[in-house]
Amino acid sequence: MSTLHFKGKTLVENLHLGVPYHELVPVRGKGLSKKASLDDNLIVSGDNLLGLKALLPTYHGKVKCIYIDPPYNIGTENWRYNDRVNSPMMQEWLGKVVDREDLTRHDKWCCMILPRLKLLRELLRDDGAILVSIDDNEVHRLRCIMDEVFGEDNFLGSFVWEGTVKNDAHFISVGHDYVLCYAKRIESLRANRTRWRVFKEGVDEVQRMVEEFLENRQNDFEAASQDLRDWFSSIGKSHKAFAHRHYKCIDSKGVYFPGDISWPGGGGPTYEVLHPDTGRPVKVPAGGWRFTNQETMQQAILEGRIHFGSDETRVPNLKRYLADTDHQVLTSVFYCDRRAAHKDLVRILPDDDFEYPKDEGVIRRLLEAVTSDDDIILDSFAGTGTTAHAVLALNKQDGGNRRFILIECENYVDSGTAERVRRVIKGVPSARDESLKAGLGGTFSYFELGNPLQRESLLCDRDLPSYERLASYIFFTATGQEFEPDKVDENRWFIGNTPQVDVFLIYSSDVEKLQDLALVKSIAQELTGSKRRKLVFAPAKYVDSEFLGRHSISFQQLPFEIYETVDGLNQ
């Protein structure tokens, strides 16, 4: 596999490993949940490299889909390189706006995106996928970097989104973006027999009208069918439902069109079929019947799947229900006028002027194909909060319970990103969409990045994380299992267990308490006879190795040794 070389690459290849974990501090007044929780929808304010690392203990391997829209690096976005790498060259880069005159702007962009992609991969499920929007400025470099991080065999394809026509272009009107799509492990998708499908556009509108006509006609199917045909005649070709106008009949099972009932290619059987009203044999199709024998045909008639004409002189049809063909595969090229996204955002946030927001409908369609049910979606370049809007709208559309995680570092994270989410949850009176007017519903918790979790801060009485918060980081990172707060017993330092190990966290601002040998001995005595090992995290060790071995205690010093897993303990 070919690799991309750029200035600073050797300095950032392993940068994500050295990034310290940070506290996630809830800001309850900015969220829409009664109690802030990491199990809620999340909006995290802060640098996304630090934010991704802070999420890792809780969400490692749990995210089904990642969608990000990083800076396109066109030279007018005013982004800055801010990763603090221990190098004079990188220090020289810090805080400076990356513009078109910057001869290292492509190097800086590559240095910015590489460690973030590595952390994003760690957060993905094995059957997860990542979607990255980009344009011609960096698409070739991004493809090389993603091949390196995710593996070129995991490349699923790229979407081309045509959004505008630029008549003032000198040579070519470049109005498209790309969305690169990679699996974490394509073998997992194949093993699960994954098929990405989306609801056909306009189907929901047809179904809504069918329900309305049936209600108005008190379930008179003939009258409702005529209403449906009249409605199709009234809509224009630009209407999303126009493509489904051949579905013009309604029965108790739904809306359908009368399809061909003849044997494919001709030469089918020609047995006798009686008309249900006249009792006479109906006209046989020129190619013969689709069904191989009379018994199969009779079963289809009993199930109501055959559409008969007014009398026996007409060839019957096979009912093709819209509900059976209401999904389709994603196409790699599509058109969506991106100017509409700006107008929609102005209706939600009239006081803000974000120039190039992503289209909620497009993101929703991508997420519809990739996710379902209770899946988690992450966007670490949250911008105007389009991904959160798309997740909430998709849940409203199909009754799902997906969750979003947003990270945004800019100062508009509260007034823009989070405010948009608040409004679409509660309702936007000026919106065109009726469900958005009423409010999409949902909650979210708002967090800010707190202090780094470093050993020096654990042994002083200032800037300490709470016991439960530190316990959640420790337990998940050590075991890979979900942390259960109700199991915590701080009086005996117990924070949870798995079938293999009991986990303890000895942690306090009182150093004398930490040096109390009786506490460690009490742990050993309490669990004498337990088949599980004891994993004890503490800032320092005050007992000898012989004592620990005799009592099956594995000591791990905070915070750097929390990476050892249960598998390591069992070796």
Protein backbone atom coordinates (compact mmCIF):
# COMPACT_ATOMS: atom_id res chain seq x y z
CA MET A 1 0.00 0.00 0.00
CA SER A 2 1.33 3.43 -0.92
CA THR A 3 1.60 6.00 1.87
CA LEU A 4 1.39 9.77 1.97
CA HIS A 5 4.37 11.70 3.36
CA PHE A 6 3.98 15.21 4.68
CA LYS A 7 5.85 17.60 6.93
CA GLY A 8 5.27 16.73 10.60
CA LYS A 9 3.88 13.23 9.98
CA THR A 10 6.43 11.46 12.19
CA LEU A 11 5.54 13.85 15.02
CA VAL A 12 1.78 13.20 14.95
CA GLU A 13 1.57 9.51 14.01
CA ASN A 14 1.28 8.53 17.68
CA LEU A 15 0.04 11.85 19.03
CA HIS A 16 -3.35 10.36 19.96
CA LEU A 17 -1.68 7.95 22.40
CA GLY A 18 -0.11 10.74 24.43
CA VAL A 19 -3.20 12.95 24.60
CA PRO A 20 -4.31 12.95 28.26
CA TYR A 21 -7.80 11.94 29.28
CA HIS A 22 -9.90 14.89 30.42
CA GLU A 23 -12.88 15.17 32.67
CA LEU A 24 -16.24 15.69 31.00
CA VAL A 25 -17.95 18.31 33.13
CA PRO A 26 -21.75 18.59 32.82
CA VAL A 27 -23.31 22.04 32.32
CA ARG A 28 -26.91 21.28 33.23
CA GLY A 29 -28.35 24.65 32.30
CA LYS A 30 -27.30 24.25 28.69
CA GLY A 31 -28.73 20.78 28.11
CA LEU A 32 -32.31 19.57 27.85
CA SER A 33 -32.17 16.70 30.35
CA LYS A 34 -33.27 16.65 33.96
CA LYS A 35 -30.03 14.92 34.88
CA ALA A 36 -26.87 15.12 32.78
CA SER A 37 -25.68 11.71 31.66
CA LEU A 38 -23.08 10.26 29.33
CA ASP A 39 -25.79 7.82 28.21
CA ASP A 40 -27.84 10.71 26.80
CA ASN A 41 -27.47 12.52 23.48
CA LEU A 42 -24.31 14.56 23.98
CA ILE A 43 -22.92 17.92 22.96
CA VAL A 44 -19.31 18.39 24.05
CA SER A 45 -17.70 21.83 23.98
CA GLY A 46 -13.97 21.76 23.43
CA ASP A 47 -11.11 20.73 21.17
CA ASN A 48 -12.18 17.64 19.28
CA LEU A 49 -8.89 15.78 19.71
CA LEU A 50 -9.20 16.10 23.49
CA GLY A 51 -12.94 15.46 23.32
CA LEU A 52 -12.50 12.22 21.38
CA LYS A 53 -9.94 10.99 23.90
CA ALA A 54 -12.26 11.92 26.78
CA LEU A 55 -15.08 9.88 25.19
CA LEU A 56 -12.90 6.84 24.58
CA PRO A 57 -13.38 5.10 27.97
CA THR A 58 -17.17 5.27 27.68
CA TYR A 59 -17.67 4.80 23.94
CA HIS A 60 -14.75 2.68 22.78
CA GLY A 61 -16.08 0.34 20.08
CA LYS A 62 -19.69 1.48 20.51
CA VAL A 63 -20.28 4.04 17.74
CA LYS A 64 -22.08 2.66 14.69
CA CYS A 65 -21.62 5.61 12.36
CA ILE A 66 -19.32 8.62 12.25
CA TYR A 67 -20.07 11.56 10.00
CA ILE A 68 -17.60 14.44 9.94
CA ASP A 69 -17.31 17.58 7.87
CA PRO A 70 -13.74 18.81 8.56
CA PRO A 71 -12.34 22.06 7.13
CA TYR A 72 -12.00 21.72 3.35
CA ASN A 73 -8.79 23.77 3.58
CA ILE A 74 -9.75 26.09 0.74
CA GLY A 75 -7.81 28.92 2.36
CA THR A 76 -10.76 31.06 3.47
CA GLU A 77 -12.06 29.13 6.49
CA ASN A 78 -9.84 30.79 9.12
CA TRP A 79 -9.04 27.52 10.87
CA ARG A 80 -5.91 27.26 13.03
CA TYR A 81 -3.59 24.40 13.87
CA ASN A 82 -3.69 24.06 17.67
CA ASP A 83 -2.36 20.59 18.55
CA ARG A 84 0.46 21.07 21.02
CA VAL A 85 3.16 18.80 19.66
CA ASN A 86 6.59 18.88 21.29
CA SER A 87 8.47 20.18 18.29
CA PRO A 88 9.84 23.65 17.47
CA MET A 89 8.34 23.46 13.97
CA MET A 90 4.91 22.52 15.28
CA GLN A 91 5.08 25.15 18.00
CA GLU A 92 5.70 27.70 15.28
CA TRP A 93 2.44 26.60 13.62
CA LEU A 94 0.27 27.11 16.69
CA GLY A 95 -2.60 29.56 16.55
CA LYS A 96 -1.89 30.91 13.09
CA VAL A 97 -4.73 31.18 10.58
CA VAL A 98 -4.28 28.74 7.71
CA ASP A 99 -4.94 30.68 4.49
CA ARG A 100 -4.08 30.34 0.81
CA GLU A 101 -0.74 32.10 1.28
CA ASP A 102 0.39 29.49 3.80
CA LEU A 103 2.85 27.23 1.97
CA THR A 104 2.42 24.52 4.63
CA ARG A 105 -1.38 24.55 4.72
CA HIS A 106 -1.68 21.04 3.27
CA ASP A 107 0.90 19.70 5.74
CA LYS A 108 -0.96 21.32 8.62
CA TRP A 109 -4.26 19.88 7.46
CA CYS A 110 -2.80 16.38 7.25
CA CYS A 111 -1.24 16.76 10.71
CA MET A 112 -4.61 17.86 12.06
CA ILE A 113 -6.73 15.09 10.55
CA LEU A 114 -4.46 12.05 11.08
CA PRO A 115 -4.60 11.70 14.91
CA ARG A 116 -8.33 12.47 14.91
CA LEU A 117 -9.04 9.70 12.42
CA LYS A 118 -7.06 7.28 14.56
CA LEU A 119 -9.18 8.09 17.63
CA LEU A 120 -12.36 7.97 15.57
CA ARG A 121 -11.48 4.47 14.43
CA GLU A 122 -11.09 3.37 18.06
CA LEU A 123 -14.60 4.59 18.80
CA LEU A 124 -16.22 2.68 15.91
CA ARG A 125 -17.92 -0.68 16.29
CA ASP A 126 -16.47 -3.50 14.21
CA ASP A 127 -19.55 -3.26 11.97
CA GLY A 128 -19.43 0.55 11.95
CA ALA A 129 -18.66 2.99 9.16
CA ILE A 130 -17.23 6.49 8.82
CA LEU A 131 -18.39 9.12 6.30
CA VAL A 132 -16.20 12.16 5.63
CA SER A 133 -17.26 15.17 3.55
CA ILE A 134 -14.52 16.85 1.55
CA ASP A 135 -13.89 18.60 -1.78
CA ASP A 136 -11.19 18.67 -4.43
CA ASN A 137 -8.70 20.59 -2.26
CA GLU A 138 -7.89 17.64 0.03
CA VAL A 139 -9.82 14.61 -1.26
CA HIS A 140 -6.72 12.88 -2.66
CA ARG A 141 -4.74 13.40 0.55
CA LEU A 142 -7.69 12.37 2.71
CA ARG A 143 -8.10 9.17 0.68
CA CYS A 144 -4.44 8.27 1.24
CA ILE A 145 -4.63 8.97 4.98
CA MET A 146 -7.86 7.00 5.38
CA ASP A 147 -6.37 4.08 3.46
CA GLU A 148 -3.54 4.14 5.99
CA VAL A 149 -5.75 4.44 9.10
CA PHE A 150 -8.69 2.23 8.08
CA GLY A 151 -7.06 0.03 5.44
CA GLU A 152 -7.72 0.35 1.72
CA ASP A 153 -9.66 -2.93 1.76
CA ASN A 154 -12.24 -1.23 4.01
CA PHE A 155 -12.99 1.49 1.45
CA LEU A 156 -16.70 1.13 0.60
CA GLY A 157 -16.98 3.92 -1.96
CA SER A 158 -17.39 7.64 -2.36
CA PHE A 159 -20.52 9.69 -2.89
CA VAL A 160 -20.52 12.65 -5.23
CA TRP A 161 -22.92 15.34 -4.08
CA GLU A 162 -23.76 17.85 -6.80
CA GLY A 163 -25.00 20.98 -5.08
CA THR A 164 -24.74 24.06 -7.28
CA VAL A 165 -23.89 25.38 -10.71
CA LYS A 166 -21.40 28.25 -10.74
CA ASN A 167 -21.96 30.29 -13.90
CA ASP A 168 -19.13 32.67 -13.01
CA ALA A 169 -16.49 29.90 -13.18
CA HIS A 170 -13.68 30.58 -15.68
CA PHE A 171 -13.23 26.99 -16.82
CA ILE A 172 -15.29 24.35 -15.00
CA SER A 173 -18.24 24.80 -12.65
CA VAL A 174 -17.13 22.69 -9.71
CA GLY A 175 -20.26 22.40 -7.61
CA HIS A 176 -19.81 18.97 -6.06
CA ASP A 177 -18.49 17.58 -2.80
CA TYR A 178 -17.33 14.07 -1.98
CA VAL A 179 -18.29 11.87 0.94
CA LEU A 180 -15.68 9.15 1.47
CA CYS A 181 -17.03 6.03 3.15
CA TYR A 182 -14.98 3.40 4.99
CA ALA A 183 -15.93 0.43 7.13
CA LYS A 184 -13.97 -0.32 10.26
CA ARG A 185 -13.94 -4.01 9.36
CA ILE A 186 -15.65 -4.91 6.09
CA GLU A 187 -15.53 -8.57 7.18
CA SER A 188 -18.00 -7.74 9.96
CA LEU A 189 -20.44 -6.18 7.50
CA ARG A 190 -20.20 -9.25 5.29
CA ALA A 191 -20.57 -11.63 8.22
CA ASN A 192 -23.73 -9.75 9.28
CA ARG A 193 -25.00 -9.83 5.67
CA THR A 194 -25.40 -6.07 5.89
CA ARG A 195 -27.40 -4.39 3.11
CA TRP A 196 -27.66 -0.61 3.21
CA ARG A 197 -31.09 0.55 2.07
CA VAL A 198 -33.03 3.81 2.30
CA PHE A 199 -36.72 4.64 2.15
CA LYS A 200 -37.66 5.81 -1.35
CA GLU A 201 -38.32 9.53 -1.48
CA GLY A 202 -42.01 10.40 -1.71
CA VAL A 203 -43.25 7.05 -0.36
CA ASP A 204 -44.13 8.54 3.01
CA GLU A 205 -46.19 11.26 1.29
CA VAL A 206 -48.11 8.66 -0.75
CA GLN A 207 -48.83 6.62 2.35
CA ARG A 208 -49.98 9.71 4.23
CA MET A 209 -52.40 10.60 1.43
CA VAL A 210 -53.73 7.03 1.27
CA GLU A 211 -54.53 7.14 4.98
CA GLU A 212 -56.28 10.48 4.52
CA PHE A 213 -58.38 9.25 1.57
CA LEU A 214 -59.38 6.05 3.38
CA GLU A 215 -60.46 8.05 6.42
CA ASN A 216 -62.45 10.50 4.30
CA ARG A 217 -64.09 7.67 2.33
CA GLN A 218 -64.70 5.49 5.39
CA ASN A 219 -62.58 2.67 3.94
CA ASP A 220 -64.34 2.60 0.57
CA PHE A 221 -61.33 1.31 -1.40
CA GLU A 222 -62.70 2.13 -4.87
CA ALA A 223 -63.50 5.73 -3.94
CA ALA A 224 -60.17 6.16 -2.12
CA SER A 225 -58.33 4.76 -5.15
CA GLN A 226 -60.01 7.34 -7.38
CA ASP A 227 -59.00 10.09 -4.95
CA LEU A 228 -55.42 8.83 -5.11
CA ARG A 229 -55.40 8.88 -8.93
CA ASP A 230 -56.83 12.41 -8.91
CA TRP A 231 -54.14 13.51 -6.47
CA PHE A 232 -51.35 12.06 -8.63
CA SER A 233 -52.78 13.97 -11.59
CA SER A 234 -52.64 17.22 -9.61
CA ILE A 235 -48.96 17.08 -8.57
CA GLY A 236 -46.12 18.13 -10.83
CA LYS A 237 -43.11 16.15 -12.00
CA SER A 238 -40.91 17.84 -9.42
CA HIS A 239 -42.97 16.40 -6.55
CA LYS A 240 -41.13 13.55 -4.80
CA ALA A 241 -44.24 11.35 -4.96
CA PHE A 242 -44.62 11.72 -8.75
CA ALA A 243 -42.32 8.74 -9.40
CA HIS A 244 -44.82 6.48 -7.58
CA ARG A 245 -47.91 7.52 -9.56
CA HIS A 246 -48.37 4.00 -10.98
CA TYR A 247 -49.34 2.85 -7.46
CA LYS A 248 -52.95 3.83 -8.06
CA CYS A 249 -55.05 1.16 -6.35
CA ILE A 250 -55.87 0.62 -2.68
CA ASP A 251 -57.09 -2.45 -0.82
CA SER A 252 -57.06 -3.63 2.79
CA LYS A 253 -53.33 -4.38 2.60
CA GLY A 254 -52.26 -1.01 1.25
CA VAL A 255 -51.56 0.79 -2.00
CA TYR A 256 -50.45 -1.20 -5.05
CA PHE A 257 -50.17 -1.18 -8.81
CA PRO A 258 -51.56 -3.97 -11.04
CA GLY A 259 -48.41 -5.63 -12.42
CA ASP A 260 -47.74 -8.20 -15.11
CA ILE A 261 -48.89 -11.72 -14.20
CA SER A 262 -47.40 -13.54 -17.22
CA TRP A 263 -44.53 -16.01 -17.24
CA PRO A 264 -41.20 -14.13 -17.77
CA GLY A 265 -40.10 -14.64 -21.36
CA GLY A 266 -43.28 -16.46 -22.34
CA GLY A 267 -44.08 -20.15 -22.56
CA GLY A 268 -45.79 -20.40 -19.16
CA PRO A 269 -48.69 -22.68 -18.16
CA THR A 270 -52.20 -21.94 -19.51
CA TYR A 271 -54.60 -23.46 -16.98
CA GLU A 272 -58.13 -22.15 -16.34
CA VAL A 273 -58.76 -19.35 -13.81
CA LEU A 274 -62.33 -18.27 -12.99
CA HIS A 275 -63.39 -14.65 -12.53
CA PRO A 276 -64.64 -14.20 -8.93
CA ASP A 277 -67.73 -12.21 -10.02
CA THR A 278 -68.85 -13.79 -13.32
CA GLY A 279 -67.61 -17.33 -12.61
CA ARG A 280 -66.30 -17.61 -16.19
CA PRO A 281 -62.69 -18.38 -17.21
CA VAL A 282 -60.63 -15.21 -17.54
CA LYS A 283 -58.41 -14.37 -20.50
CA VAL A 284 -55.01 -16.07 -20.23
CA PRO A 285 -51.96 -13.82 -20.74
CA ALA A 286 -50.08 -14.36 -24.02
CA GLY A 287 -47.00 -15.61 -22.18
CA GLY A 288 -48.91 -17.97 -19.90
CA TRP A 289 -49.45 -17.66 -16.14
CA ARG A 290 -46.62 -16.65 -13.81
CA PHE A 291 -47.65 -19.32 -11.29
CA THR A 292 -46.67 -22.88 -12.20
CA ASN A 293 -49.99 -24.55 -11.34
CA GLN A 294 -53.61 -23.87 -10.42
CA GLU A 295 -53.07 -24.63 -6.72
CA THR A 296 -50.45 -21.87 -6.39
CA MET A 297 -52.64 -19.45 -8.35
CA GLN A 298 -55.67 -20.29 -6.15
CA GLN A 299 -53.62 -19.64 -3.02
CA ALA A 300 -52.63 -16.20 -4.38
CA ILE A 301 -56.30 -15.45 -5.09
CA LEU A 302 -57.30 -16.45 -1.54
CA GLU A 303 -54.57 -14.15 -0.17
CA GLY A 304 -55.97 -11.23 -2.18
CA ARG A 305 -52.85 -10.80 -4.32
CA ILE A 306 -54.61 -10.96 -7.71
CA HIS A 307 -56.25 -7.88 -9.26
CA PHE A 308 -59.15 -8.94 -11.50
CA GLY A 309 -60.66 -6.77 -14.21
CA SER A 310 -64.34 -5.85 -14.38
CA ASP A 311 -65.11 -9.14 -16.16
CA GLU A 312 -63.47 -12.26 -17.60
CA THR A 313 -62.46 -10.53 -20.86
CA ARG A 314 -59.56 -8.77 -19.13
CA VAL A 315 -56.30 -10.44 -18.12
CA PRO A 316 -55.86 -10.27 -14.32
CA ASN A 317 -52.83 -8.57 -12.78
CA LEU A 318 -50.52 -9.34 -9.88
CA LYS A 319 -50.73 -6.79 -7.06
CA ARG A 320 -47.37 -5.11 -6.46
CA TYR A 321 -47.56 -3.35 -3.10
CA LEU A 322 -45.63 -0.17 -2.45
CA ALA A 323 -44.73 -1.48 1.02
CA ASP A 324 -42.82 -4.37 -0.60
CA THR A 325 -40.62 -2.09 -2.70
CA ASP A 326 -40.40 1.05 -0.57
CA HIS A 327 -36.61 0.85 -0.07
CA GLN A 328 -33.69 1.21 -2.45
CA VAL A 329 -29.91 1.07 -2.45
CA LEU A 330 -27.95 4.32 -2.09
CA THR A 331 -26.65 5.79 -5.33
CA SER A 332 -23.10 7.12 -5.44
CA VAL A 333 -24.07 10.30 -7.31
CA PHE A 334 -26.93 12.56 -6.28
CA TYR A 335 -28.10 16.16 -6.56
CA CYS A 336 -29.27 18.36 -3.69
CA ASP A 337 -29.19 22.15 -3.91
CA ARG A 338 -27.09 23.18 -0.92
CA ARG A 339 -28.62 26.67 -0.94
CA ALA A 340 -31.81 25.16 0.47
CA ALA A 341 -29.86 24.05 3.56
CA HIS A 342 -28.88 27.64 4.28
CA LYS A 343 -32.48 28.83 3.95
CA ASP A 344 -33.70 26.07 6.28
CA LEU A 345 -31.06 26.97 8.86
CA VAL A 346 -32.06 30.64 8.74
CA ARG A 347 -35.61 29.60 9.66
CA ILE A 348 -34.24 27.84 12.74
CA LEU A 349 -31.52 30.36 13.68
CA PRO A 350 -32.47 33.67 12.06
CA ASP A 351 -29.89 35.62 14.07
CA ASP A 352 -26.93 33.53 12.94
CA ASP A 353 -25.36 33.45 9.51
CA PHE A 354 -23.53 30.19 8.84
CA GLU A 355 -22.58 30.29 5.17
CA TYR A 356 -22.26 26.63 4.25
CA PRO A 357 -24.30 24.35 6.51
CA LYS A 358 -24.72 20.75 5.45
CA ASP A 359 -28.17 19.65 4.28
CA GLU A 360 -30.07 17.83 7.02
CA GLY A 361 -31.98 15.72 4.50
CA VAL A 362 -28.79 14.43 2.89
CA ILE A 363 -27.20 13.51 6.23
CA ARG A 364 -30.45 11.90 7.34
CA ARG A 365 -30.52 9.75 4.20
CA LEU A 366 -26.94 8.57 4.75
CA LEU A 367 -27.65 7.75 8.40
CA GLU A 368 -30.87 5.98 7.42
CA ALA A 369 -28.86 3.54 5.30
CA VAL A 370 -26.07 2.92 7.80
CA THR A 371 -27.89 2.95 11.17
CA SER A 372 -30.99 1.61 12.88
CA ASP A 373 -32.72 1.21 16.25
CA ASP A 374 -30.43 2.25 19.13
CA ASP A 375 -27.26 3.02 17.16
CA ILE A 376 -24.89 5.82 18.19
CA ILE A 377 -23.81 8.49 15.67
CA LEU A 378 -20.78 10.71 16.27
CA ASP A 379 -19.83 14.03 14.66
CA SER A 380 -16.61 15.57 15.97
CA PHE A 381 -16.76 18.61 13.63
CA ALA A 382 -20.33 19.46 14.66
CA GLY A 383 -20.57 22.97 13.19
CA THR A 384 -24.23 24.01 13.07
CA GLY A 385 -25.48 20.73 14.54
CA THR A 386 -26.86 19.30 11.29
CA THR A 387 -25.99 15.73 12.32
CA ALA A 388 -27.96 16.00 15.56
CA HIS A 389 -30.93 17.44 13.64
CA ALA A 390 -30.72 14.55 11.15
CA VAL A 391 -30.62 11.95 13.94
CA LEU A 392 -33.67 13.41 15.68
CA ALA A 393 -35.58 13.72 12.40
CA LEU A 394 -34.74 10.14 11.45
CA ASN A 395 -35.94 8.87 14.83
CA LYS A 396 -39.18 10.78 14.28
CA GLN A 397 -39.47 9.26 10.80
CA ASP A 398 -39.01 5.60 11.70
CA GLY A 399 -39.53 5.43 15.47
CA GLY A 400 -35.88 4.68 16.19
CA ASN A 401 -33.95 5.59 19.33
CA ARG A 402 -30.60 6.55 17.85
CA ARG A 403 -28.28 8.79 19.87
CA PHE A 404 -25.94 11.52 18.71
CA ILE A 405 -22.62 12.74 20.07
CA LEU A 406 -21.40 16.15 18.88
CA ILE A 407 -18.06 17.82 19.56
CA GLU A 408 -17.49 21.46 18.63
CA CYS A 409 -14.60 23.73 19.59
CA GLU A 410 -15.77 27.08 18.23
CA ASN A 411 -17.30 29.74 20.47
CA TYR A 412 -20.71 29.31 18.81
CA VAL A 413 -21.13 25.82 20.26
CA ASP A 414 -23.75 27.06 22.75
CA SER A 415 -25.43 29.85 20.75
CA GLY A 416 -25.31 27.97 17.44
CA THR A 417 -24.76 24.22 17.66
CA ALA A 418 -26.66 23.55 20.89
CA GLU A 419 -29.26 26.25 20.26
CA ARG A 420 -30.24 24.65 16.97
CA VAL A 421 -30.69 21.30 18.73
CA ARG A 422 -32.78 22.93 21.47
CA ARG A 423 -35.07 24.53 18.88
CA VAL A 424 -35.59 21.47 16.70
CA ILE A 425 -36.40 19.45 19.83
CA LYS A 426 -38.94 22.01 21.08
CA GLY A 427 -40.31 23.11 17.69
CA VAL A 428 -39.63 25.76 15.03
CA PRO A 429 -42.83 27.73 14.19
CA SER A 430 -41.40 29.09 10.93
CA ALA A 431 -40.30 25.69 9.60
CA ARG A 432 -41.78 24.27 6.39
CA ASP A 433 -41.87 20.72 7.73
CA GLU A 434 -44.85 20.03 9.98
CA SER A 435 -42.99 17.66 12.31
CA LEU A 436 -40.24 20.25 12.79
CA LYS A 437 -42.87 22.89 13.55
CA ALA A 438 -44.24 20.71 16.33
CA GLY A 439 -40.79 19.71 17.56
CA LEU A 440 -38.84 16.51 16.96
CA GLY A 441 -38.61 15.70 20.67
CA GLY A 442 -35.68 14.27 22.58
CA THR A 443 -33.11 15.37 25.11
CA PHE A 444 -29.39 16.04 25.28
CA SER A 445 -26.72 16.64 27.91
CA TYR A 446 -24.16 19.39 27.50
CA PHE A 447 -20.56 18.84 28.65
CA GLU A 448 -17.39 20.87 28.70
CA LEU A 449 -13.88 19.51 28.84
CA GLY A 450 -12.46 19.76 32.34
CA ASN A 451 -8.97 19.21 33.72
CA PRO A 452 -6.68 16.50 32.40
CA LEU A 453 -6.59 13.34 34.49
CA GLN A 454 -2.91 13.35 35.41
CA ARG A 455 -1.12 11.68 38.29
CA GLU A 456 0.09 14.97 39.76
CA SER A 457 -3.46 16.25 40.23
CA LEU A 458 -4.62 13.03 41.86
CA LEU A 459 -2.34 13.47 44.87
CA CYS A 460 -3.29 17.03 45.71
CA ASP A 461 -6.51 18.48 47.06
CA ARG A 462 -7.18 20.81 44.16
CA ASP A 463 -8.90 20.26 40.82
CA LEU A 464 -9.83 16.68 41.65
CA PRO A 465 -12.31 14.74 39.52
CA SER A 466 -15.17 13.18 41.42
CA TYR A 467 -14.72 9.63 42.65
CA GLU A 468 -17.53 8.32 40.43
CA ARG A 469 -16.27 10.10 37.33
CA LEU A 470 -12.76 8.74 37.73
CA ALA A 471 -14.22 5.32 38.53
CA SER A 472 -16.14 5.32 35.25
CA TYR A 473 -12.94 6.01 33.28
CA ILE A 474 -10.96 3.43 35.22
CA PHE A 475 -13.52 0.65 35.08
CA PHE A 476 -14.35 0.89 31.38
CA THR A 477 -10.73 1.24 30.28
CA ALA A 478 -9.60 -1.69 32.41
CA THR A 479 -12.42 -4.11 31.61
CA GLY A 480 -14.12 -2.96 28.42
CA GLN A 481 -17.43 -3.42 30.25
CA GLU A 482 -20.12 -0.81 30.91
CA PHE A 483 -19.71 1.06 34.18
CA GLU A 484 -22.66 0.71 36.56
CA PRO A 485 -22.73 3.56 39.11
CA ASP A 486 -25.16 1.74 41.41
CA LYS A 487 -22.48 -0.89 42.13
CA VAL A 488 -20.01 1.65 43.50
CA ASP A 489 -19.26 1.41 47.23
CA GLU A 490 -16.83 4.21 47.97
CA ASN A 491 -16.55 3.16 51.62
CA ARG A 492 -14.73 0.01 50.57
CA TRP A 493 -13.29 1.43 47.31
CA PHE A 494 -15.30 -1.02 45.18
CA ILE A 495 -16.29 0.23 41.69
CA GLY A 496 -17.56 -2.91 39.92
CA ASN A 497 -16.80 -6.41 38.72
CA THR A 498 -16.80 -8.72 35.71
CA PRO A 499 -16.82 -12.53 35.68
CA GLN A 500 -13.01 -12.41 35.82
CA VAL A 501 -12.13 -9.54 38.13
CA ASP A 502 -13.28 -7.27 40.97
CA VAL A 503 -12.15 -3.69 40.46
CA PHE A 504 -11.23 -1.24 43.23
CA LEU A 505 -10.22 2.39 43.12
CA ILE A 506 -8.35 3.76 46.13
CA TYR A 507 -8.55 7.47 45.55
CA SER A 508 -8.81 10.44 47.88
CA SER A 509 -7.27 13.83 48.47
CA ASP A 510 -6.29 12.56 51.93
CA VAL A 511 -2.80 11.08 51.40
CA GLU A 512 -2.71 9.57 54.91
CA LYS A 513 -5.86 7.67 54.06
CA LEU A 514 -4.20 6.33 50.93
CA GLN A 515 -1.28 5.04 53.01
CA ASP A 516 -3.55 3.08 55.33
CA LEU A 517 -2.35 -0.51 54.91
CA ALA A 518 -5.43 -1.78 56.71
CA LEU A 519 -7.59 -0.66 53.79
CA VAL A 520 -5.66 -2.81 51.33
CA LYS A 521 -5.69 -5.76 53.72
CA SER A 522 -9.43 -5.39 54.19
CA ILE A 523 -9.89 -5.76 50.43
CA ALA A 524 -7.92 -8.99 50.48
CA GLN A 525 -9.75 -10.35 53.53
CA GLU A 526 -13.18 -9.43 52.20
CA LEU A 527 -12.67 -11.38 48.99
CA THR A 528 -10.82 -14.38 50.37
CA GLY A 529 -12.20 -17.38 48.58
CA SER A 530 -13.36 -15.39 45.56
CA LYS A 531 -12.28 -16.95 42.27
CA ARG A 532 -11.98 -13.53 40.69
CA ARG A 533 -8.78 -11.56 40.79
CA LYS A 534 -8.69 -8.18 42.49
CA LEU A 535 -7.61 -5.23 40.38
CA VAL A 536 -6.71 -2.24 42.53
CA PHE A 537 -6.02 1.22 41.14
CA ALA A 538 -4.29 3.75 43.39
CA PRO A 539 -1.88 6.69 43.04
CA ALA A 540 0.82 4.80 44.93
CA LYS A 541 1.60 1.34 46.39
CA TYR A 542 2.48 0.87 50.04
CA VAL A 543 2.54 -2.94 50.26
CA ASP A 544 5.05 -5.39 48.84
CA SER A 545 4.60 -7.60 45.79
CA GLU A 546 4.62 -10.79 47.86
CA PHE A 547 1.56 -9.60 49.77
CA LEU A 548 -0.25 -8.68 46.54
CA GLY A 549 0.54 -12.01 44.91
CA ARG A 550 -0.58 -14.02 47.93
CA HIS A 551 -3.98 -12.31 47.86
CA SER A 552 -4.40 -12.32 44.04
CA ILE A 553 -4.26 -8.54 43.89
CA SER A 554 -3.02 -6.77 40.76
CA PHE A 555 -1.91 -3.23 41.54
CA GLN A 556 -2.15 -0.52 38.86
CA GLN A 557 -0.78 2.94 39.45
CA LEU A 558 -2.95 5.88 38.44
CA PRO A 559 -3.39 7.09 35.83
CA PHE A 560 -0.97 5.71 33.26
CA GLU A 561 -1.40 1.99 33.91
CA ILE A 562 -5.17 1.90 33.47
CA TYR A 563 -4.74 0.47 29.97
CA GLU A 564 -4.05 -3.07 31.17
CA THR A 565 -7.04 -5.27 30.39
CA VAL A 566 -8.55 -8.30 31.97
CA ASP A 567 -7.08 -10.38 29.15
CA GLY A 568 -3.66 -9.23 30.25
CA LEU A 569 -4.41 -10.25 33.82
CA ASN A 570 -5.39 -13.75 32.74
CA GLN A 571 -2.17 -14.42 30.84
